[in-house]
Amino acid sequence: MTGSHIVDGFILTDEKDASRYTLTRDGVLVSALDYRDDGSTIALTRAFTIPTFRGNGHAARVVEGAVDDIQSRGDRKVDPVCWYVAEWFAQNPERTGLLRRR
C-alpha cells in the first residue's frame, strides 16, 4: 500500500516507519495493528482499538485491510502472533493460504 486508502469511510494507512497499520476517521485514531516485517513474513503482533471505539468492528477492519494489502503485494506470508489476528483468520478460512506454515 502506498499512502492511505478508504475502507468503509475510514482511512487505512500503512505507517511503515512505525511498523503499524492505522485506521482513522476525521483525523482521529480509532484502531491500530502493529507488525514486524522480516522481508518474507509479516508478524501481526498487536491489534488495538481505542477504548471509546471498541465493540464496533474496527479491529476487524484494520486487520482485513492489512491482510488485503499484504496479499496484494504477493511477496509475504503472515504470522498471526496476536490472538485477535489468529481468531480473525479462523473466522476467515478462505484467507489462510496467506499464513506462514510452521
PDB file of N, CA and C in Angstrom:
ATOM      1  N   MET A   1       0.857  -1.165   0.000  1.00  0.00           N
ATOM      2  CA  MET A   1       0.000   0.000   0.000  1.00  0.00           C
ATOM      3  C   MET A   1       0.901   1.224   0.000  1.00  0.00           C
ATOM      4  N   THR A   2       0.681   2.061  -0.931  1.00  0.00           N
ATOM      5  CA  THR A   2       1.393   3.330  -0.910  1.00  0.00           C
ATOM      6  C   THR A   2       0.420   4.374  -0.411  1.00  0.00           C
ATOM      7  N   GLY A   3       0.780   5.029   0.666  1.00  0.00           N
ATOM      8  CA  GLY A   3      -0.105   6.028   1.235  1.00  0.00           C
ATOM      9  C   GLY A   3      -1.252   5.396   1.978  1.00  0.00           C
ATOM     10  N   SER A   4      -2.432   5.942   1.775  1.00  0.00           N
ATOM     11  CA  SER A   4      -3.620   5.519   2.504  1.00  0.00           C
ATOM     12  C   SER A   4      -4.736   5.235   1.522  1.00  0.00           C
ATOM     13  N   HIS A   5      -5.722   4.501   1.988  1.00  0.00           N
ATOM     14  CA  HIS A   5      -6.936   4.364   1.192  1.00  0.00           C
ATOM     15  C   HIS A   5      -8.140   4.253   2.116  1.00  0.00           C
ATOM     16  N   ILE A   6      -9.313   4.454   1.546  1.00  0.00           N
ATOM     17  CA  ILE A   6     -10.554   4.495   2.315  1.00  0.00           C
ATOM     18  C   ILE A   6     -11.122   3.086   2.448  1.00  0.00           C
ATOM     19  N   VAL A   7     -11.512   2.733   3.679  1.00  0.00           N
ATOM     20  CA  VAL A   7     -12.145   1.456   3.979  1.00  0.00           C
ATOM     21  C   VAL A   7     -13.382   1.763   4.810  1.00  0.00           C
ATOM     22  N   ASP A   8     -14.559   1.546   4.237  1.00  0.00           N
ATOM     23  CA  ASP A   8     -15.819   1.773   4.965  1.00  0.00           C
ATOM     24  C   ASP A   8     -15.898   3.161   5.603  1.00  0.00           C
ATOM     25  N   GLY A   9     -15.408   4.172   4.924  1.00  0.00           N
ATOM     26  CA  GLY A   9     -15.468   5.539   5.446  1.00  0.00           C
ATOM     27  C   GLY A   9     -14.335   5.909   6.383  1.00  0.00           C
ATOM     28  N   PHE A  10     -13.418   4.985   6.627  1.00  0.00           N
ATOM     29  CA  PHE A  10     -12.243   5.220   7.464  1.00  0.00           C
ATOM     30  C   PHE A  10     -11.018   5.290   6.561  1.00  0.00           C
ATOM     31  N   ILE A  11      -9.944   5.866   7.061  1.00  0.00           N
ATOM     32  CA  ILE A  11      -8.689   5.895   6.307  1.00  0.00           C
ATOM     33  C   ILE A  11      -7.748   4.863   6.906  1.00  0.00           C
ATOM     34  N   LEU A  12      -7.315   3.920   6.069  1.00  0.00           N
ATOM     35  CA  LEU A  12      -6.362   2.891   6.470  1.00  0.00           C
ATOM     36  C   LEU A  12      -4.997   3.281   5.920  1.00  0.00           C
ATOM     37  N   THR A  13      -4.004   3.333   6.795  1.00  0.00           N
ATOM     38  CA  THR A  13      -2.664   3.755   6.405  1.00  0.00           C
ATOM     39  C   THR A  13      -1.646   2.745   6.910  1.00  0.00           C
ATOM     40  N   ASP A  14      -0.698   2.381   6.048  1.00  0.00           N
ATOM     41  CA  ASP A  14       0.446   1.579   6.471  1.00  0.00           C
ATOM     42  C   ASP A  14       1.536   2.565   6.857  1.00  0.00           C
ATOM     43  N   GLU A  15       1.745   2.731   8.151  1.00  0.00           N
ATOM     44  CA  GLU A  15       2.785   3.628   8.654  1.00  0.00           C
ATOM     45  C   GLU A  15       4.065   2.811   8.782  1.00  0.00           C
ATOM     46  N   LYS A  16       4.766   2.660   7.656  1.00  0.00           N
ATOM     47  CA  LYS A  16       5.948   1.797   7.601  1.00  0.00           C
ATOM     48  C   LYS A  16       7.011   2.179   8.637  1.00  0.00           C
ATOM     49  N   ASP A  17       7.236   3.454   8.850  1.00  0.00           N
ATOM     50  CA  ASP A  17       8.245   3.890   9.824  1.00  0.00           C
ATOM     51  C   ASP A  17       7.894   3.461  11.250  1.00  0.00           C
ATOM     52  N   ALA A  18       6.610   3.328  11.545  1.00  0.00           N
ATOM     53  CA  ALA A  18       6.155   2.912  12.870  1.00  0.00           C
ATOM     54  C   ALA A  18       5.806   1.423  12.908  1.00  0.00           C
ATOM     55  N   SER A  19       5.890   0.745  11.761  1.00  0.00           N
ATOM     56  CA  SER A  19       5.530  -0.681  11.651  1.00  0.00           C
ATOM     57  C   SER A  19       4.130  -0.944  12.184  1.00  0.00           C
ATOM     58  N   ARG A  20       3.177  -0.171  11.640  1.00  0.00           N
ATOM     59  CA  ARG A  20       1.792  -0.393  12.033  1.00  0.00           C
ATOM     60  C   ARG A  20       0.844   0.121  10.952  1.00  0.00           C
ATOM     61  N   TYR A  21      -0.305  -0.515  10.903  1.00  0.00           N
ATOM     62  CA  TYR A  21      -1.421  -0.029  10.100  1.00  0.00           C
ATOM     63  C   TYR A  21      -2.320   0.742  11.052  1.00  0.00           C
ATOM     64  N   THR A  22      -2.856   1.856  10.602  1.00  0.00           N
ATOM     65  CA  THR A  22      -3.781   2.627  11.429  1.00  0.00           C
ATOM     66  C   THR A  22      -5.097   2.820  10.697  1.00  0.00           C
ATOM     67  N   LEU A  23      -6.147   2.906  11.473  1.00  0.00           N
ATOM     68  CA  LEU A  23      -7.481   3.195  10.979  1.00  0.00           C
ATOM     69  C   LEU A  23      -7.915   4.484  11.657  1.00  0.00           C
ATOM     70  N   THR A  24      -8.182   5.511  10.863  1.00  0.00           N
ATOM     71  CA  THR A  24      -8.576   6.807  11.411  1.00  0.00           C
ATOM     72  C   THR A  24      -9.875   7.282  10.769  1.00  0.00           C
ATOM     73  N   ARG A  25     -10.541   8.162  11.469  1.00  0.00           N
ATOM     74  CA  ARG A  25     -11.713   8.848  10.915  1.00  0.00           C
ATOM     75  C   ARG A  25     -11.656  10.287  11.403  1.00  0.00           C
ATOM     76  N   ASP A  26     -11.776  11.207  10.459  1.00  0.00           N
ATOM     77  CA  ASP A  26     -11.718  12.636  10.767  1.00  0.00           C
ATOM     78  C   ASP A  26     -10.445  12.989  11.537  1.00  0.00           C
ATOM     79  N   GLY A  27      -9.336  12.330  11.192  1.00  0.00           N
ATOM     80  CA  GLY A  27      -8.052  12.613  11.807  1.00  0.00           C
ATOM     81  C   GLY A  27      -7.847  12.009  13.186  1.00  0.00           C
ATOM     82  N   VAL A  28      -8.807  11.208  13.645  1.00  0.00           N
ATOM     83  CA  VAL A  28      -8.734  10.600  14.982  1.00  0.00           C
ATOM     84  C   VAL A  28      -8.394   9.122  14.841  1.00  0.00           C
ATOM     85  N   LEU A  29      -7.383   8.674  15.585  1.00  0.00           N
ATOM     86  CA  LEU A  29      -7.009   7.267  15.581  1.00  0.00           C
ATOM     87  C   LEU A  29      -8.118   6.448  16.232  1.00  0.00           C
ATOM     88  N   VAL A  30      -8.554   5.403  15.524  1.00  0.00           N
ATOM     89  CA  VAL A  30      -9.614   4.531  16.008  1.00  0.00           C
ATOM     90  C   VAL A  30      -9.045   3.166  16.390  1.00  0.00           C
ATOM     91  N   SER A  31      -8.177   2.626  15.522  1.00  0.00           N
ATOM     92  CA  SER A  31      -7.626   1.296  15.749  1.00  0.00           C
ATOM     93  C   SER A  31      -6.259   1.211  15.089  1.00  0.00           C
ATOM     94  N   ALA A  32      -5.421   0.275  15.585  1.00  0.00           N
ATOM     95  CA  ALA A  32      -4.078   0.103  15.020  1.00  0.00           C
ATOM     96  C   ALA A  32      -3.714  -1.374  15.040  1.00  0.00           C
ATOM     97  N   LEU A  33      -2.834  -1.745  14.133  1.00  0.00           N
ATOM     98  CA  LEU A  33      -2.317  -3.112  14.055  1.00  0.00           C
ATOM     99  C   LEU A  33      -0.807  -3.026  13.886  1.00  0.00           C
ATOM    100  N   ASP A  34      -0.075  -3.443  14.919  1.00  0.00           N
ATOM    101  CA  ASP A  34       1.387  -3.421  14.883  1.00  0.00           C
ATOM    102  C   ASP A  34       1.900  -4.650  14.150  1.00  0.00           C
ATOM    103  N   TYR A  35       3.055  -4.507  13.507  1.00  0.00           N
ATOM    104  CA  TYR A  35       3.649  -5.643  12.803  1.00  0.00           C
ATOM    105  C   TYR A  35       5.163  -5.579  12.816  1.00  0.00           C
ATOM    106  N   ARG A  36       5.766  -6.738  12.508  1.00  0.00           N
ATOM    107  CA  ARG A  36       7.204  -6.849  12.257  1.00  0.00           C
ATOM    108  C   ARG A  36       7.365  -7.503  10.899  1.00  0.00           C
ATOM    109  N   ASP A  37       8.165  -6.906  10.050  1.00  0.00           N
ATOM    110  CA  ASP A  37       8.373  -7.408   8.696  1.00  0.00           C
ATOM    111  C   ASP A  37       9.836  -7.811   8.539  1.00  0.00           C
ATOM    112  N   ASP A  38      10.082  -9.110   8.294  1.00  0.00           N
ATOM    113  CA  ASP A  38      11.463  -9.572   8.133  1.00  0.00           C
ATOM    114  C   ASP A  38      11.855  -9.764   6.668  1.00  0.00           C
ATOM    115  N   GLY A  39      10.996  -9.333   5.758  1.00  0.00           N
ATOM    116  CA  GLY A  39      11.294  -9.435   4.339  1.00  0.00           C
ATOM    117  C   GLY A  39      10.621 -10.610   3.653  1.00  0.00           C
ATOM    118  N   SER A  40      10.207 -11.607   4.421  1.00  0.00           N
ATOM    119  CA  SER A  40       9.471 -12.730   3.839  1.00  0.00           C
ATOM    120  C   SER A  40       8.172 -13.008   4.602  1.00  0.00           C
ATOM    121  N   THR A  41       8.142 -12.615   5.865  1.00  0.00           N
ATOM    122  CA  THR A  41       6.963 -12.823   6.706  1.00  0.00           C
ATOM    123  C   THR A  41       6.654 -11.538   7.466  1.00  0.00           C
ATOM    124  N   ILE A  42       5.373 -11.235   7.549  1.00  0.00           N
ATOM    125  CA  ILE A  42       4.928 -10.115   8.381  1.00  0.00           C
ATOM    126  C   ILE A  42       4.223 -10.709   9.590  1.00  0.00           C
ATOM    127  N   ALA A  43       4.798 -10.491  10.764  1.00  0.00           N
ATOM    128  CA  ALA A  43       4.186 -10.931  12.009  1.00  0.00           C
ATOM    129  C   ALA A  43       3.243  -9.830  12.468  1.00  0.00           C
ATOM    130  N   LEU A  44       1.953 -10.149  12.528  1.00  0.00           N
ATOM    131  CA  LEU A  44       0.957  -9.193  13.008  1.00  0.00           C
ATOM    132  C   LEU A  44       0.877  -9.393  14.512  1.00  0.00           C
ATOM    133  N   THR A  45       1.446  -8.433  15.258  1.00  0.00           N
ATOM    134  CA  THR A  45       1.748  -8.647  16.667  1.00  0.00           C
ATOM    135  C   THR A  45       0.726  -8.107  17.659  1.00  0.00           C
ATOM    136  N   ARG A  46      -0.031  -7.083  17.279  1.00  0.00           N
ATOM    137  CA  ARG A  46      -0.948  -6.491  18.257  1.00  0.00           C
ATOM    138  C   ARG A  46      -2.008  -5.659  17.554  1.00  0.00           C
ATOM    139  N   ALA A  47      -3.260  -6.064  17.736  1.00  0.00           N
ATOM    140  CA  ALA A  47      -4.387  -5.259  17.263  1.00  0.00           C
ATOM    141  C   ALA A  47      -4.944  -4.517  18.474  1.00  0.00           C
ATOM    142  N   PHE A  48      -5.236  -3.246  18.285  1.00  0.00           N
ATOM    143  CA  PHE A  48      -5.707  -2.426  19.395  1.00  0.00           C
ATOM    144  C   PHE A  48      -6.738  -1.432  18.888  1.00  0.00           C
ATOM    145  N   THR A  49      -7.822  -1.299  19.633  1.00  0.00           N
ATOM    146  CA  THR A  49      -8.830  -0.285  19.347  1.00  0.00           C
ATOM    147  C   THR A  49      -8.919   0.641  20.558  1.00  0.00           C
ATOM    148  N   ILE A  50      -8.946   1.931  20.296  1.00  0.00           N
ATOM    149  CA  ILE A  50      -9.092   2.924  21.358  1.00  0.00           C
ATOM    150  C   ILE A  50     -10.374   2.577  22.135  1.00  0.00           C
ATOM    151  N   PRO A  51     -10.307   2.537  23.463  1.00  0.00           N
ATOM    152  CA  PRO A  51     -11.451   2.063  24.259  1.00  0.00           C
ATOM    153  C   PRO A  51     -12.799   2.684  23.908  1.00  0.00           C
ATOM    154  N   THR A  52     -12.852   3.962  23.615  1.00  0.00           N
ATOM    155  CA  THR A  52     -14.151   4.587  23.322  1.00  0.00           C
ATOM    156  C   THR A  52     -14.750   4.118  21.999  1.00  0.00           C
ATOM    157  N   PHE A  53     -13.955   3.459  21.155  1.00  0.00           N
ATOM    158  CA  PHE A  53     -14.435   2.985  19.857  1.00  0.00           C
ATOM    159  C   PHE A  53     -14.640   1.472  19.815  1.00  0.00           C
ATOM    160  N   ARG A  54     -14.380   0.785  20.915  1.00  0.00           N
ATOM    161  CA  ARG A  54     -14.471  -0.682  20.938  1.00  0.00           C
ATOM    162  C   ARG A  54     -15.906  -1.163  20.740  1.00  0.00           C
ATOM    163  N   GLY A  55     -16.002  -2.390  20.213  1.00  0.00           N
ATOM    164  CA  GLY A  55     -17.302  -3.020  20.038  1.00  0.00           C
ATOM    165  C   GLY A  55     -17.994  -2.684  18.738  1.00  0.00           C
ATOM    166  N   ASN A  56     -17.274  -2.054  17.818  1.00  0.00           N
ATOM    167  CA  ASN A  56     -17.867  -1.648  16.543  1.00  0.00           C
ATOM    168  C   ASN A  56     -17.195  -2.279  15.326  1.00  0.00           C
ATOM    169  N   GLY A  57     -16.350  -3.288  15.548  1.00  0.00           N
ATOM    170  CA  GLY A  57     -15.713  -3.986  14.435  1.00  0.00           C
ATOM    171  C   GLY A  57     -14.507  -3.298  13.836  1.00  0.00           C
ATOM    172  N   HIS A  58     -13.958  -2.306  14.523  1.00  0.00           N
ATOM    173  CA  HIS A  58     -12.829  -1.566  13.969  1.00  0.00           C
ATOM    174  C   HIS A  58     -11.556  -2.405  13.888  1.00  0.00           C
ATOM    175  N   ALA A  59     -11.315  -3.251  14.880  1.00  0.00           N
ATOM    176  CA  ALA A  59     -10.124  -4.114  14.829  1.00  0.00           C
ATOM    177  C   ALA A  59     -10.221  -5.052  13.624  1.00  0.00           C
ATOM    178  N   ALA A  60     -11.398  -5.579  13.370  1.00  0.00           N
ATOM    179  CA  ALA A  60     -11.586  -6.446  12.199  1.00  0.00           C
ATOM    180  C   ALA A  60     -11.316  -5.674  10.906  1.00  0.00           C
ATOM    181  N   ARG A  61     -11.730  -4.410  10.856  1.00  0.00           N
ATOM    182  CA  ARG A  61     -11.495  -3.582   9.668  1.00  0.00           C
ATOM    183  C   ARG A  61     -10.002  -3.378   9.416  1.00  0.00           C
ATOM    184  N   VAL A  62      -9.258  -3.061  10.474  1.00  0.00           N
ATOM    185  CA  VAL A  62      -7.833  -2.798  10.296  1.00  0.00           C
ATOM    186  C   VAL A  62      -7.098  -4.092   9.946  1.00  0.00           C
ATOM    187  N   VAL A  63      -7.501  -5.215  10.543  1.00  0.00           N
ATOM    188  CA  VAL A  63      -6.872  -6.495  10.206  1.00  0.00           C
ATOM    189  C   VAL A  63      -7.182  -6.866   8.758  1.00  0.00           C
ATOM    190  N   GLU A  64      -8.440  -6.770   8.362  1.00  0.00           N
ATOM    191  CA  GLU A  64      -8.807  -7.109   6.986  1.00  0.00           C
ATOM    192  C   GLU A  64      -8.083  -6.219   5.984  1.00  0.00           C
ATOM    193  N   GLY A  65      -7.999  -4.931   6.270  1.00  0.00           N
ATOM    194  CA  GLY A  65      -7.288  -4.021   5.369  1.00  0.00           C
ATOM    195  C   GLY A  65      -5.815  -4.354   5.261  1.00  0.00           C
ATOM    196  N   ALA A  66      -5.200  -4.699   6.380  1.00  0.00           N
ATOM    197  CA  ALA A  66      -3.783  -5.082   6.378  1.00  0.00           C
ATOM    198  C   ALA A  66      -3.581  -6.373   5.591  1.00  0.00           C
ATOM    199  N   VAL A  67      -4.441  -7.352   5.825  1.00  0.00           N
ATOM    200  CA  VAL A  67      -4.340  -8.628   5.111  1.00  0.00           C
ATOM    201  C   VAL A  67      -4.536  -8.411   3.612  1.00  0.00           C
ATOM    202  N   ASP A  68      -5.506  -7.578   3.238  1.00  0.00           N
ATOM    203  CA  ASP A  68      -5.702  -7.253   1.816  1.00  0.00           C
ATOM    204  C   ASP A  68      -4.436  -6.653   1.217  1.00  0.00           C
ATOM    205  N   ASP A  69      -3.821  -5.731   1.951  1.00  0.00           N
ATOM    206  CA  ASP A  69      -2.605  -5.073   1.473  1.00  0.00           C
ATOM    207  C   ASP A  69      -1.470  -6.076   1.322  1.00  0.00           C
ATOM    208  N   ILE A  70      -1.267  -6.907   2.324  1.00  0.00           N
ATOM    209  CA  ILE A  70      -0.186  -7.892   2.289  1.00  0.00           C
ATOM    210  C   ILE A  70      -0.417  -8.872   1.140  1.00  0.00           C
ATOM    211  N   GLN A  71      -1.650  -9.310   0.979  1.00  0.00           N
ATOM    212  CA  GLN A  71      -1.963 -10.247  -0.095  1.00  0.00           C
ATOM    213  C   GLN A  71      -1.764  -9.611  -1.469  1.00  0.00           C
ATOM    214  N   SER A  72      -2.113  -8.351  -1.616  1.00  0.00           N
ATOM    215  CA  SER A  72      -1.973  -7.692  -2.914  1.00  0.00           C
ATOM    216  C   SER A  72      -0.507  -7.545  -3.320  1.00  0.00           C
ATOM    217  N   ARG A  73       0.378  -7.428  -2.342  1.00  0.00           N
ATOM    218  CA  ARG A  73       1.813  -7.357  -2.642  1.00  0.00           C
ATOM    219  C   ARG A  73       2.334  -8.691  -3.143  1.00  0.00           C
ATOM    220  N   GLY A  74       1.805  -9.781  -2.567  1.00  0.00           N
ATOM    221  CA  GLY A  74       2.138 -11.111  -3.043  1.00  0.00           C
ATOM    222  C   GLY A  74       3.524 -11.630  -2.694  1.00  0.00           C
ATOM    223  N   ASP A  75       4.258 -10.942  -1.834  1.00  0.00           N
ATOM    224  CA  ASP A  75       5.629 -11.370  -1.545  1.00  0.00           C
ATOM    225  C   ASP A  75       5.873 -11.679  -0.071  1.00  0.00           C
ATOM    226  N   ARG A  76       4.813 -11.778   0.732  1.00  0.00           N
ATOM    227  CA  ARG A  76       4.967 -12.037   2.160  1.00  0.00           C
ATOM    228  C   ARG A  76       3.921 -13.049   2.622  1.00  0.00           C
ATOM    229  N   LYS A  77       4.272 -13.768   3.661  1.00  0.00           N
ATOM    230  CA  LYS A  77       3.326 -14.606   4.390  1.00  0.00           C
ATOM    231  C   LYS A  77       3.016 -13.892   5.705  1.00  0.00           C
ATOM    232  N   VAL A  78       1.967 -14.323   6.381  1.00  0.00           N
ATOM    233  CA  VAL A  78       1.551 -13.692   7.630  1.00  0.00           C
ATOM    234  C   VAL A  78       1.743 -14.672   8.785  1.00  0.00           C
ATOM    235  N   ASP A  79       2.288 -14.166   9.873  1.00  0.00           N
ATOM    236  CA  ASP A  79       2.383 -14.905  11.120  1.00  0.00           C
ATOM    237  C   ASP A  79       1.453 -14.191  12.109  1.00  0.00           C
ATOM    238  N   PRO A  80       0.307 -14.800  12.447  1.00  0.00           N
ATOM    239  CA  PRO A  80      -0.665 -14.143  13.323  1.00  0.00           C
ATOM    240  C   PRO A  80      -0.278 -14.278  14.797  1.00  0.00           C
ATOM    241  N   VAL A  81       0.651 -13.471  15.259  1.00  0.00           N
ATOM    242  CA  VAL A  81       1.126 -13.523  16.638  1.00  0.00           C
ATOM    243  C   VAL A  81       0.030 -13.086  17.610  1.00  0.00           C
ATOM    244  N   CYS A  82      -0.677 -12.048  17.285  1.00  0.00           N
ATOM    245  CA  CYS A  82      -1.758 -11.514  18.123  1.00  0.00           C
ATOM    246  C   CYS A  82      -2.939 -12.488  18.138  1.00  0.00           C
ATOM    247  N   TRP A  83      -3.499 -12.724  19.310  1.00  0.00           N
ATOM    248  CA  TRP A  83      -4.634 -13.645  19.425  1.00  0.00           C
ATOM    249  C   TRP A  83      -5.812 -13.184  18.573  1.00  0.00           C
ATOM    250  N   TYR A  84      -6.022 -11.872  18.499  1.00  0.00           N
ATOM    251  CA  TYR A  84      -7.158 -11.364  17.731  1.00  0.00           C
ATOM    252  C   TYR A  84      -6.976 -11.658  16.243  1.00  0.00           C
ATOM    253  N   VAL A  85      -5.758 -11.493  15.744  1.00  0.00           N
ATOM    254  CA  VAL A  85      -5.480 -11.773  14.334  1.00  0.00           C
ATOM    255  C   VAL A  85      -5.658 -13.263  14.053  1.00  0.00           C
ATOM    256  N   ALA A  86      -5.183 -14.116  14.955  1.00  0.00           N
ATOM    257  CA  ALA A  86      -5.359 -15.564  14.794  1.00  0.00           C
ATOM    258  C   ALA A  86      -6.846 -15.914  14.748  1.00  0.00           C
ATOM    259  N   GLU A  87      -7.627 -15.288  15.612  1.00  0.00           N
ATOM    260  CA  GLU A  87      -9.072 -15.521  15.618  1.00  0.00           C
ATOM    261  C   GLU A  87      -9.710 -15.021  14.324  1.00  0.00           C
ATOM    262  N   TRP A  88      -9.240 -13.882  13.803  1.00  0.00           N
ATOM    263  CA  TRP A  88      -9.769 -13.349  12.546  1.00  0.00           C
ATOM    264  C   TRP A  88      -9.536 -14.353  11.417  1.00  0.00           C
ATOM    265  N   PHE A  89      -8.337 -14.920  11.358  1.00  0.00           N
ATOM    266  CA  PHE A  89      -8.055 -15.925  10.328  1.00  0.00           C
ATOM    267  C   PHE A  89      -8.916 -17.168  10.510  1.00  0.00           C
ATOM    268  N   ALA A  90      -9.173 -17.584  11.751  1.00  0.00           N
ATOM    269  CA  ALA A  90     -10.032 -18.741  12.000  1.00  0.00           C
ATOM    270  C   ALA A  90     -11.455 -18.475  11.495  1.00  0.00           C
ATOM    271  N   GLN A  91     -11.895 -17.225  11.568  1.00  0.00           N
ATOM    272  CA  GLN A  91     -13.227 -16.854  11.103  1.00  0.00           C
ATOM    273  C   GLN A  91     -13.264 -16.556   9.602  1.00  0.00           C
ATOM    274  N   ASN A  92     -12.092 -16.489   8.971  1.00  0.00           N
ATOM    275  CA  ASN A  92     -11.987 -16.214   7.538  1.00  0.00           C
ATOM    276  C   ASN A  92     -11.087 -17.270   6.892  1.00  0.00           C
ATOM    277  N   PRO A  93     -11.529 -18.540   6.912  1.00  0.00           N
ATOM    278  CA  PRO A  93     -10.667 -19.629   6.448  1.00  0.00           C
ATOM    279  C   PRO A  93     -10.231 -19.503   4.991  1.00  0.00           C
ATOM    280  N   GLU A  94     -10.976 -18.761   4.199  1.00  0.00           N
ATOM    281  CA  GLU A  94     -10.587 -18.563   2.799  1.00  0.00           C
ATOM    282  C   GLU A  94      -9.294 -17.759   2.671  1.00  0.00           C
ATOM    283  N   ARG A  95      -8.853 -17.140   3.742  1.00  0.00           N
ATOM    284  CA  ARG A  95      -7.633 -16.319   3.720  1.00  0.00           C
ATOM    285  C   ARG A  95      -6.411 -17.043   4.294  1.00  0.00           C
ATOM    286  N   THR A  96      -6.584 -18.271   4.797  1.00  0.00           N
ATOM    287  CA  THR A  96      -5.496 -18.963   5.487  1.00  0.00           C
ATOM    288  C   THR A  96      -4.343 -19.348   4.575  1.00  0.00           C
ATOM    289  N   GLY A  97      -4.522 -19.303   3.265  1.00  0.00           N
ATOM    290  CA  GLY A  97      -3.411 -19.563   2.349  1.00  0.00           C
ATOM    291  C   GLY A  97      -2.298 -18.556   2.488  1.00  0.00           C
ATOM    292  N   LEU A  98      -2.582 -17.438   3.110  1.00  0.00           N
ATOM    293  CA  LEU A  98      -1.592 -16.381   3.324  1.00  0.00           C
ATOM    294  C   LEU A  98      -0.729 -16.639   4.557  1.00  0.00           C
ATOM    295  N   LEU A  99      -1.143 -17.586   5.397  1.00  0.00           N
ATOM    296  CA  LEU A  99      -0.428 -17.845   6.644  1.00  0.00           C
ATOM    297  C   LEU A  99       0.901 -18.560   6.413  1.00  0.00           C
ATOM    298  N   ARG A 100       1.873 -18.191   7.229  1.00  0.00           N
ATOM    299  CA  ARG A 100       3.161 -18.873   7.218  1.00  0.00           C
ATOM    300  C   ARG A 100       2.949 -20.268   7.792  1.00  0.00           C
ATOM    301  N   ARG A 101       3.506 -21.264   7.144  1.00  0.00           N
ATOM    302  CA  ARG A 101       3.411 -22.635   7.641  1.00  0.00           C
ATOM    303  C   ARG A 101       4.534 -22.901   8.609  1.00  0.00           C
ATOM    304  N   ARG A 102       4.210 -23.507   9.724  1.00  0.00           N
ATOM    305  CA  ARG A 102       5.221 -23.805  10.751  1.00  0.00           C
ATOM    306  C   ARG A 102       5.731 -25.200  10.616  1.00  0.00           C
TER     307      ARG A 102
END
